[in-house]
């Protein structure tokens, strides 16, 4: 069975082909949508430690049916051109699914950031950014990167500064990347965005009892046993919100050095703090530990959330996956062969192209904020507060009674930037799921939610191409 596996890029292309086959597209249009437009492979030297070292990086542009194109920059020793192209394609489909008007792109640098000091990483990042900027692969109007695995707000701040140095006359320079620190033009809620989007998507799924029943589950998220793979930024926030706000029970956490289990559930803040101090989960108190990290994927649970790397559920371990519902917080965690096996088995999968779109959605909000040169809520927050107070006064006048303090606080509150970002993200994830669900339920030749999400994306992208006459 394992011999039938294909690469990450081939998995994405096969999933695309499966969806495209259900549509009647003009000849050649599906190939046009699927193909990567271009890939820039750059090699550059950086001098440090009394010598020089050669670095290799990529920036792939999958589709320019919308501009700018959007996609993160990944720092990892496993980065390859195929992976960058696959991730760029997923970004195109992801943006289309959630109605974010970007094309898809992705970048990667073949390094392990843990091998370098902060000052060394800054020099590497600035040099990589300079190479991309010179060729137009970083630009607020053409190509807008964001953080990904191995990068964060710090790296985005370095890139912005490098871009502004090279383009001091660009009034929108700060919009050349998203995921920046709030003090450098970032937006509140961006760090939590992908994990928050996972929560919003699962909340919407559980609003539909017939969908929940299809996964052989019932009720709400409260009390559901959740296995999480990867306690990075995405996994941490998804698990934190699902456990603290929805009552989910995180019964197992798989990390690089192994997995920990607890039937009573984990406090995510405590586990995250332990990992930060001890560089792993081994030794976490009151937990069962196993060195075989991926074995946790096979645990008996209600929801499995792979939030680490691609290719974690394969034809090799798919037969042992017990979770009736899988929420793909990572990109490509399930291979094409395993995806078909699990579907035939009856497993419901909330696909990555939809589920982890929270990051690019809030990146879009940040980009809009940067172009408008004003923070969200600045113009209307106090107006909302005054209007709420006037409503309260009217109610109190009519009833002759003072409003309870909790109601007064709720009605007189003016939304700030974080409130608006969370509201916009929730609305985006809910609307996208309803669109995917409608395709799945109304078309007999669409067998699952993944195919439905690809169909949704292909239909939107093909319409854009045809309207432009391309």
Foldseek 3Di string as FASTA:
>chain_A
DQVPFDDLLVQLVVLLVLLCVQDDFPPPLSVLQSAWPDKDKDWDWDDDPNGIDIKIKMKTFRDVLFPAAEEAEAEEQPDDPSVQNSQQSLSQLLCLLLVNRHHGMYMYINHQPVVDDPVVVLRVLLVVLVVCVVVVCFDLTHHEYEHDHPDAQVSLVSSLVSQCVVVVPDLLSLLRYARHPVVSLYFPPLLLQLLLLLVLLQQLQLVDQVSCVLLVHGDHQAAFEEEEEDCDSNRLSNVQCSCVPVNHADAKYFYDQWMWGDPRGDNSVVQVVCCVVVVDNPPPPPTDTDRPRLVSQLDATAEYEYQDEACSAEPVCLVSRHHLEYEDSHAHNYGNVSVVVSLVVSRAYDDNSQSRSRNVQSSSVSSVCSVVVHAPQPVCQQVQLVVLVVVQVVVCVVVVDHDDPVSNCVSNGGDGRNNVSSVSSSVSSSVSQVQLVCQCVPDPSQRHSSSSSSSSSSVSSSVSCVVVVD
